[in-house]
Protein backbone atom coordinates (compact mmCIF):
# COMPACT_ATOMS: atom_id res chain seq x y z
CA MET A 1 0.00 0.00 0.00
CA PRO A 2 1.55 3.32 -1.00
CA GLY A 3 2.58 5.75 1.73
CA PRO A 4 1.03 9.18 2.25
CA VAL A 5 1.69 11.80 -0.39
CA VAL A 6 3.74 14.88 0.37
CA ALA A 7 0.81 17.32 0.77
CA GLU A 8 -0.85 15.08 3.36
CA ARG A 9 2.40 14.77 5.31
CA LEU A 10 2.77 18.57 5.25
CA HIS A 11 -0.67 18.89 6.86
CA ASP A 12 0.46 16.40 9.52
CA VAL A 13 3.60 18.46 10.20
CA LEU A 14 1.58 21.66 10.68
CA LEU A 15 -0.85 19.91 13.01
CA ARG A 16 2.01 18.58 15.14
CA LEU A 17 3.72 21.95 15.30
CA PHE A 18 0.76 24.23 15.93
CA GLY A 19 -1.96 22.01 17.35
CA LEU A 20 -4.55 23.02 14.75
CA GLU A 21 -5.64 21.75 11.37
CA ALA A 22 -4.25 24.24 8.86
CA PRO A 23 -7.22 25.79 6.96
CA VAL A 24 -5.39 25.68 3.63
CA ARG A 25 -5.27 23.51 0.53
CA ILE A 26 -1.64 22.55 0.05
CA HIS A 27 -0.16 21.99 -3.40
CA ALA A 28 3.19 20.29 -2.81
CA TRP A 29 6.30 20.14 -5.00
CA ASP A 30 5.52 16.57 -6.07
CA GLY A 31 2.15 17.59 -7.53
CA SER A 32 0.11 16.20 -4.64
CA VAL A 33 -2.80 18.16 -3.15
CA ALA A 34 -4.44 17.95 0.27
CA GLY A 35 -6.82 20.04 2.33
CA PRO A 36 -10.32 21.52 2.00
CA ALA A 37 -11.32 22.24 -1.60
CA ASP A 38 -12.68 25.71 -0.71
CA ALA A 39 -9.67 26.75 1.38
CA PRO A 40 -6.92 29.21 0.37
CA VAL A 41 -4.32 27.53 -1.84
CA VAL A 42 -0.78 27.44 -0.49
CA ARG A 43 1.91 26.18 -2.84
CA VAL A 44 4.99 24.65 -1.25
CA HIS A 45 7.64 24.63 -3.97
CA SER A 46 10.53 23.12 -2.09
CA ARG A 47 11.36 20.75 0.77
CA ARG A 48 13.67 23.54 1.96
CA ALA A 49 10.55 25.29 3.26
CA VAL A 50 9.87 22.30 5.50
CA ARG A 51 13.44 22.31 6.77
CA ARG A 52 13.14 26.01 7.62
CA LEU A 53 9.94 25.38 9.56
CA LEU A 54 11.36 22.43 11.48
CA TRP A 55 14.31 24.56 12.59
CA ARG A 56 12.12 27.63 13.29
CA PRO A 57 8.54 26.43 13.99
CA ASP A 58 7.12 29.95 14.28
CA GLU A 59 6.23 33.00 12.21
CA LEU A 60 9.89 33.67 11.34
CA GLY A 61 10.30 30.22 9.84
CA LEU A 62 7.20 30.69 7.69
CA ALA A 63 8.20 34.24 6.75
CA ARG A 64 11.63 33.09 5.60
CA SER A 65 10.01 30.53 3.31
CA PHE A 66 7.67 33.15 1.85
CA VAL A 67 10.43 35.74 1.33
CA ALA A 68 12.63 33.10 -0.32
CA GLY A 69 9.83 32.18 -2.74
CA GLU A 70 9.62 28.62 -1.40
CA VAL A 71 5.97 29.14 -0.37
CA ASP A 72 3.30 31.07 -2.27
CA VAL A 73 -0.38 31.89 -1.84
CA ASP A 74 -2.63 31.76 -4.88
CA GLY A 75 -4.47 35.00 -5.61
CA PRO A 76 -4.64 38.10 -3.39
CA ILE A 77 -2.86 37.60 -0.09
CA LEU A 78 -5.36 39.32 2.24
CA PRO A 79 -8.34 36.96 1.76
CA ALA A 80 -6.02 34.05 2.48
CA LEU A 81 -4.59 35.69 5.59
CA ASP A 82 -8.11 36.59 6.77
CA GLN A 83 -9.04 32.93 6.79
CA LEU A 84 -5.69 31.92 8.29
CA ALA A 85 -5.89 34.46 11.15
CA PRO A 86 -6.93 32.00 13.94
CA PHE A 87 -4.23 29.57 12.83
CA GLY A 88 -1.75 32.45 12.62
CA ARG A 89 -2.18 33.31 16.29
CA SER A 90 -1.00 29.84 17.24
CA ILE A 91 1.99 30.21 14.91
CA GLY A 92 3.16 33.23 16.89
CA ARG A 93 3.84 31.01 19.92
CA GLN A 94 6.68 28.54 20.21
CA PRO A 95 5.15 25.04 20.20
CA GLU A 96 5.45 22.78 23.23
CA LEU A 97 6.36 19.44 21.70
CA THR A 98 6.14 16.07 23.40
CA ALA A 99 8.63 13.29 22.81
CA ALA A 100 6.05 11.62 20.55
CA ASP A 101 5.66 14.86 18.56
CA ARG A 102 9.39 15.11 18.03
CA SER A 103 9.63 11.50 16.96
CA GLU A 104 6.82 11.88 14.42
CA LEU A 105 8.29 15.13 13.09
CA MET A 106 11.63 13.43 12.57
CA ARG A 107 9.90 10.59 10.70
CA ALA A 108 8.10 13.16 8.53
CA ALA A 109 11.33 15.06 7.87
CA VAL A 110 13.01 11.86 6.69
CA TYR A 111 10.03 10.97 4.47
CA LEU A 112 9.96 14.48 2.97
CA GLY A 113 13.72 14.65 2.45
CA ALA A 114 13.89 17.67 4.71
CA VAL A 115 16.61 16.48 7.10
CA GLY A 116 19.66 18.72 7.18
CA PRO A 117 21.19 21.87 8.67
CA ALA A 118 19.17 25.05 9.07
CA PRO A 119 18.95 26.84 5.71
CA LYS A 120 20.65 30.20 5.45
CA PRO A 121 18.16 33.08 5.90
CA PRO A 122 17.15 34.97 2.75
CA ALA A 123 19.44 37.81 1.73
CA GLU A 124 16.76 40.35 2.70
CA GLU A 125 16.94 39.40 6.39
CA ILE A 126 18.66 42.04 8.52
CA THR A 127 21.50 40.37 10.39
CA GLY A 128 24.92 41.06 11.91
CA ALA A 129 26.56 44.43 11.27
CA GLU A 130 23.64 45.56 9.11
CA ARG A 131 21.30 45.00 12.04
CA ARG A 132 23.57 46.90 14.45
CA HIS A 133 23.66 49.82 12.02
CA ALA A 134 19.89 49.74 11.58
CA LEU A 135 19.36 49.80 15.35
CA GLY A 136 20.94 53.24 15.41
CA ARG A 137 18.49 54.65 12.87
CA ASP A 138 14.93 55.76 13.32
CA LYS A 139 12.22 53.65 11.76
CA GLU A 140 10.32 54.97 8.76
CA LEU A 141 7.78 53.10 6.66
CA SER A 142 8.65 53.65 3.04
CA GLY A 143 10.61 50.84 1.45
CA ALA A 144 12.50 53.50 -0.49
CA HIS A 145 15.50 53.10 1.81
CA ASP A 146 16.26 49.68 0.42
CA THR A 147 15.82 49.86 -3.34
CA PRO A 148 15.28 52.89 -5.59
CA VAL A 149 11.79 52.85 -7.08
CA SER A 150 10.47 55.37 -9.60
CA THR A 151 8.06 58.04 -8.45
CA GLY A 152 5.46 56.77 -10.89
CA LEU A 153 5.61 53.28 -9.43
CA LEU A 154 5.50 54.61 -5.86
CA ALA A 155 2.33 56.50 -6.83
CA ARG A 156 0.74 53.27 -8.07
CA VAL A 157 1.02 51.90 -4.53
CA PHE A 158 0.80 54.94 -2.23
CA GLY A 159 -1.44 57.05 -4.50
CA ASP A 160 -0.69 60.32 -6.24
CA THR A 161 -0.38 62.03 -2.86
CA LEU A 162 2.62 59.85 -1.94
CA VAL A 163 1.82 59.65 1.77
CA PRO A 164 3.22 56.56 3.56
CA SER A 165 0.85 56.93 6.51
CA ALA A 166 -2.78 56.43 7.41
CA GLY A 167 -5.41 58.22 5.39
CA TYR A 168 -8.52 59.67 7.04
CA TRP A 169 -11.50 57.80 5.61
CA THR A 170 -14.45 60.12 6.16
CA THR A 171 -16.87 58.72 3.54
CA PRO A 172 -17.50 55.19 2.20
CA ALA A 173 -16.84 56.34 -1.35
CA ALA A 174 -13.49 57.97 -0.58
CA THR A 175 -10.47 57.02 -2.69
CA LEU A 176 -6.98 56.62 -1.25
CA ASP A 177 -6.01 60.11 -2.41
CA ASP A 178 -9.24 61.56 -0.94
CA ALA A 179 -8.40 59.94 2.40
CA GLN A 180 -4.82 61.16 2.32
CA ARG A 181 -5.81 64.74 1.55
CA ALA A 182 -8.33 64.61 4.40
CA ALA A 183 -5.57 63.33 6.72
CA LEU A 184 -3.22 66.11 5.64
CA ASP A 185 -5.84 68.78 6.35
CA LEU A 186 -6.70 67.18 9.69
CA ALA A 187 -3.05 67.31 10.74
CA CYS A 188 -2.65 70.91 9.60
CA ARG A 189 -5.71 72.00 11.57
CA LYS A 190 -4.61 70.14 14.70
CA LEU A 191 -1.29 71.96 14.48
CA GLY A 192 -3.13 75.26 14.08
CA LEU A 193 -1.16 76.18 10.97
CA THR A 194 -1.54 79.71 9.63
CA GLU A 195 0.39 81.77 7.10
CA GLY A 196 3.96 82.58 8.08
CA MET A 197 4.47 79.73 10.56
CA ARG A 198 7.62 77.60 10.49
CA VAL A 199 7.11 73.84 10.48
CA LEU A 200 9.48 70.91 10.99
CA ASP A 201 8.48 67.58 9.43
CA VAL A 202 10.45 64.70 10.99
CA GLY A 203 10.36 61.59 8.80
CA CYS A 204 9.05 63.61 5.87
CA ALA A 205 9.19 60.73 3.35
CA TRP A 206 8.47 62.21 -0.10
CA GLY A 207 7.59 65.62 1.32
CA THR A 208 3.81 65.58 0.92
CA PHE A 209 2.81 67.02 4.29
CA LEU A 210 5.12 70.03 4.08
CA LEU A 211 4.20 70.67 0.44
CA HIS A 212 0.49 70.56 1.34
CA ALA A 213 1.00 72.86 4.32
CA ALA A 214 3.01 75.34 2.24
CA GLU A 215 0.53 75.43 -0.64
CA ARG A 216 -2.71 75.55 1.36
CA TYR A 217 -1.70 77.14 4.68
CA GLY A 218 1.16 79.42 3.66
CA VAL A 219 3.82 77.98 5.99
CA SER A 220 7.55 77.56 5.47
CA GLY A 221 9.70 74.84 6.90
CA THR A 222 12.08 71.93 6.76
CA GLY A 223 11.53 68.23 6.14
CA ILE A 224 14.11 65.65 7.20
CA THR A 225 14.49 62.01 6.19
CA SER A 226 17.15 59.32 6.34
CA SER A 227 16.68 58.55 2.63
CA ALA A 228 18.61 60.52 0.01
CA GLU A 229 16.17 59.32 -2.64
CA GLN A 230 13.20 60.63 -0.69
CA ALA A 231 14.86 64.02 -0.16
CA GLU A 232 15.62 64.27 -3.88
CA ILE A 233 12.04 63.43 -4.86
CA ALA A 234 10.60 65.85 -2.28
CA THR A 235 12.85 68.67 -3.49
CA LYS A 236 11.80 68.15 -7.10
CA ARG A 237 8.15 68.14 -6.06
CA ALA A 238 8.68 71.45 -4.21
CA PHE A 239 10.06 73.06 -7.39
CA ASP A 240 7.19 71.68 -9.44
CA ALA A 241 4.68 73.06 -6.90
CA GLY A 242 6.33 76.51 -6.84
CA VAL A 243 7.14 76.45 -3.10
CA ALA A 244 10.87 75.63 -3.23
CA ALA A 245 11.70 79.07 -1.83
CA ARG A 246 9.76 78.30 1.36
CA VAL A 247 10.50 74.65 2.05
CA GLU A 248 13.61 72.52 2.03
CA PHE A 249 14.19 68.80 2.35
CA ARG A 250 17.39 67.27 3.61
CA VAL A 251 18.94 64.01 4.70
CA ALA A 252 19.37 64.49 8.41
CA ASP A 253 18.77 62.98 11.82
CA TRP A 254 16.71 64.89 14.38
CA ARG A 255 19.59 64.44 16.86
CA ASP A 256 21.90 66.44 14.58
CA LEU A 257 19.63 69.46 14.00
CA GLU A 258 20.54 72.80 15.51
CA VAL A 259 17.96 74.21 17.88
CA ASP A 260 15.98 76.70 15.80
CA PRO A 261 12.48 77.22 17.23
CA TYR A 262 9.55 76.09 15.14
CA ASP A 263 5.88 76.91 15.51
CA ALA A 264 4.82 73.33 14.83
CA ILE A 265 6.38 69.90 14.41
CA THR A 266 4.98 66.71 12.92
CA ALA A 267 6.70 63.37 13.41
CA ASN A 268 5.37 60.49 11.36
CA GLY A 269 6.53 56.91 11.71
CA VAL A 270 9.96 57.57 13.22
CA ALA A 271 9.10 56.63 16.80
CA ASP A 272 6.85 53.62 16.29
CA TYR A 273 9.23 50.81 17.20
CA VAL A 274 12.19 52.52 18.86
CA GLY A 275 11.54 51.76 22.54
CA GLU A 276 11.45 53.93 25.65
CA GLY A 277 14.96 55.31 25.60
CA ARG A 278 14.92 56.51 22.02
CA LEU A 279 11.41 57.97 22.27
CA ALA A 280 12.36 59.82 25.46
CA ASP A 281 15.44 61.32 23.75
CA GLN A 282 13.38 62.33 20.75
CA ALA A 283 10.60 63.88 22.82
CA ARG A 284 13.07 66.01 24.82
CA ARG A 285 14.83 67.13 21.66
CA LEU A 286 11.64 67.99 19.78
CA CYS A 287 10.29 69.87 22.79
CA GLY A 288 13.42 72.01 22.63
CA PHE A 289 12.74 72.78 18.96
CA LEU A 290 9.27 74.20 19.75
CA ARG A 291 8.65 77.78 20.71
CA PRO A 292 6.39 78.23 23.78
CA GLY A 293 2.85 77.51 22.65
CA GLY A 294 4.10 75.41 19.74
CA ARG A 295 2.44 72.10 18.95
CA LEU A 296 3.80 68.63 18.21
CA LEU A 297 1.69 66.09 16.32
CA LEU A 298 3.04 62.58 16.76
CA HIS A 299 1.71 59.76 14.60
CA GLN A 300 2.29 56.75 16.82
CA ILE A 301 1.69 53.00 16.65
CA SER A 302 1.34 51.24 20.00
CA ARG A 303 0.72 47.77 21.38
CA ARG A 304 -2.42 46.84 23.27
CA GLY A 305 -0.79 45.70 26.51
CA GLU A 306 0.32 42.29 25.24
CA PRO A 307 3.84 41.33 26.37
CA LEU A 308 6.63 41.72 23.86
CA ALA A 309 7.54 38.55 21.99
CA ARG A 310 10.55 36.68 23.35
CA GLU A 311 11.48 35.16 20.00
CA ARG A 312 12.74 37.12 17.03
CA SER A 313 9.81 38.07 14.84
CA PHE A 314 9.32 38.73 11.13
CA LEU A 315 9.05 42.45 11.95
CA ASP A 316 12.39 42.47 13.77
CA ALA A 317 14.15 40.36 11.14
CA TYR A 318 12.97 42.14 7.99
CA VAL A 319 11.46 45.56 8.67
CA PHE A 320 12.26 47.18 12.03
CA PRO A 321 15.31 45.67 13.78
CA GLY A 322 14.97 45.83 17.55
CA ALA A 323 11.26 46.50 17.17
CA GLU A 324 9.78 47.54 20.53
CA LEU A 325 6.23 48.84 20.55
CA LEU A 326 5.13 50.75 23.63
CA THR A 327 1.69 51.07 25.17
CA LEU A 328 -0.21 54.31 24.65
CA GLY A 329 -0.04 55.10 28.36
CA ARG A 330 3.74 54.82 28.36
CA ILE A 331 3.99 57.04 25.27
CA VAL A 332 1.95 59.75 26.99
CA ASP A 333 4.12 59.52 30.12
CA ILE A 334 7.29 59.90 28.04
CA LEU A 335 5.98 62.97 26.20
CA GLU A 336 4.91 64.67 29.42
CA ASP A 337 8.19 63.79 31.17
CA ALA A 338 9.92 65.61 28.30
CA GLY A 339 8.09 68.85 29.11
CA LEU A 340 5.18 68.54 26.71
CA GLU A 341 1.50 68.62 27.65
CA VAL A 342 -0.63 66.06 25.81
CA ARG A 343 -3.87 67.75 24.77
CA ASP A 344 -5.53 65.41 22.29
CA LEU A 345 -5.56 61.75 21.28
CA GLU A 346 -7.35 60.40 18.24
CA ALA A 347 -7.51 56.67 17.47
CA MET A 348 -6.52 55.93 13.88
CA ARG A 349 -6.55 52.13 13.99
CA GLU A 350 -9.38 51.53 11.51
CA HIS A 351 -8.07 54.30 9.24
CA TYR A 352 -4.65 52.67 9.16
CA ALA A 353 -6.15 49.23 8.47
CA ARG A 354 -8.13 50.47 5.48
CA THR A 355 -5.12 52.37 4.14
CA LEU A 356 -2.93 49.28 4.42
CA ARG A 357 -5.50 47.13 2.64
CA THR A 358 -5.53 49.62 -0.21
CA TRP A 359 -1.73 49.63 -0.42
CA VAL A 360 -1.69 45.82 -0.52
CA THR A 361 -4.20 45.76 -3.38
CA ASN A 362 -2.23 48.44 -5.22
CA LEU A 363 1.08 46.61 -4.73
CA GLU A 364 -0.39 43.36 -6.05
CA GLY A 365 -1.76 45.27 -9.04
CA ALA A 366 1.69 46.70 -9.78
CA TRP A 367 3.56 43.48 -8.96
CA GLU A 368 5.34 42.88 -12.25
CA PRO A 369 6.69 46.43 -12.71
CA TRP A 370 7.60 46.47 -9.00
CA LEU A 371 9.66 43.30 -9.47
CA ARG A 372 11.50 44.95 -12.35
CA GLN A 373 12.70 47.75 -10.05
CA THR A 374 13.47 45.78 -6.90
CA SER A 375 14.32 42.24 -5.84
CA PRO A 376 11.61 39.57 -5.57
CA GLY A 377 12.55 39.01 -1.93
CA ARG A 378 12.28 42.70 -1.05
CA ALA A 379 8.90 42.94 -2.78
CA ARG A 380 7.69 39.91 -0.81
CA VAL A 381 8.88 41.49 2.46
CA TRP A 382 6.82 44.60 1.86
CA LEU A 383 3.76 42.71 0.67
CA LEU A 384 3.81 40.49 3.75
CA TYR A 385 4.50 43.40 6.09
CA LEU A 386 1.66 45.54 4.75
CA ALA A 387 -0.76 42.59 4.78
CA VAL A 388 -0.06 41.35 8.31
CA SER A 389 -0.09 44.94 9.59
CA ALA A 390 -3.56 45.48 8.13
CA LEU A 391 -4.83 42.41 9.97
CA ALA A 392 -3.08 43.40 13.20
CA PHE A 393 -4.89 46.75 13.19
CA GLU A 394 -8.23 45.18 12.29
CA ASN A 395 -7.92 42.59 15.04
CA ALA A 396 -6.93 45.27 17.59
CA ARG A 397 -3.60 43.59 18.27
CA ILE A 398 -1.90 46.94 17.70
CA ALA A 399 -3.26 50.49 17.74
CA ALA A 400 -2.46 53.80 16.07
CA HIS A 401 -3.04 57.32 17.37
CA GLN A 402 -2.42 60.92 16.53
CA VAL A 403 -1.06 62.47 19.72
CA LEU A 404 -1.20 66.27 19.94
CA ALA A 405 1.10 67.83 22.51
CA VAL A 406 2.00 71.43 23.36
CA ARG A 407 5.03 73.11 24.83
CA THR A 408 3.35 75.40 27.31
CA HIS A 409 4.49 78.91 28.20
CA THR A 410 6.34 79.41 31.46
CA ASP A 411 3.09 80.59 33.06
CA GLY A 412 1.30 77.41 31.97
CA ARG A 413 -0.60 78.81 28.99
CA ALA A 414 -1.07 76.33 26.14
CA ALA A 415 -2.51 78.91 23.71
CA LEU A 416 -5.17 76.47 22.49
CA PRO A 417 -8.81 77.42 21.84
CA LEU A 418 -11.08 76.36 24.69
CA ASP A 419 -13.56 75.03 22.15
CA ARG A 420 -11.97 71.78 21.04
CA SER A 421 -13.98 71.74 17.82
CA GLU A 422 -11.99 74.72 16.61
CA TRP A 423 -8.93 72.48 16.34
CA HIS A 424 -10.65 70.39 13.66
CA LEU A 425 -12.92 72.82 11.82
CA GLY A 426 -12.36 75.68 9.42
CA MET A 427 -10.14 75.98 6.39
CA PRO A 428 -7.85 78.85 5.41
């Protein structure tokens, strides 16, 4: 009687490792198929994927297989991940294996030809000296740091507005660009921008916020980024918009800026995963850049009180080395310890989730041209990161907020309207 085919054995391996039947239809490298007919299709192209998972039976092992192209999902990735979400939560925990489990897994590894040393991680994984260097940088969501991508292709993913942050989805019929313009105006109004103000944009990406504020609110200012490509694109956009005389974009670190008081500061994405020490340093420094009465708008991702993972995660290995999300309460404490008064919090979790879903769809729609301008592994990293982030926001595993803080005058005045609605209403 013939033995079990590869796809069936793969289902057995997943059950042993994670304690749940995997809700997927597996197409294995030998042509065998197993699993529910109506389930998402996962294609396992190589026994190397099994060897990775046996050495790292967690999300990092699966992520390495996906980034290396050893595992694929048929069709759009988000519907598959939606259905896999309950199974995915068990993957995030290290399995507790009995002696019988280990024996059966070894038998399966021999049958599948997956016995051997741990495969080398994909080239896109951040390790060694590269990781130590990355730990000294602030974290920005853009992908432009890694591989140059044309502005036209960036716009196919992030929209014509080129904003790598959450849109503000005020109507069901809103497009991505509608939502991003609404978010830009919301931020400008929270900062109380009026003509003649000076604004600092920390983590400016491709310059959209400062360009919008200069064109519509008459401000001047400086945008800083760690990406030379982003600074170059932002500068060109400023010339095209006719505001190059009032705004500048440069490659710089907030720690290296000279103290030169600004009326308002926005910081987007640079403090999301940096931990307490770095956020405290940044908050003190940015407070010193504000004139009395000046406002800081921090776009901040936070965790929902769950303990930090003990094992190295996909996020740490491929996107944000040393990733350390803080709770919202701790973020507020750090800002106030730095001399700022927190005056407003707005939850952006659902807005971020919808934005991420749109980016994922856009990236999949531009997949072939994206592959021509970057590596397949890098493209897979960003697709997986955007997709799992969308689900994490939707499932309330992480949160996102706009935090508005003020540097008060020495006599305690915050110089904010008493009517809170005035912070959000009215256009110049």
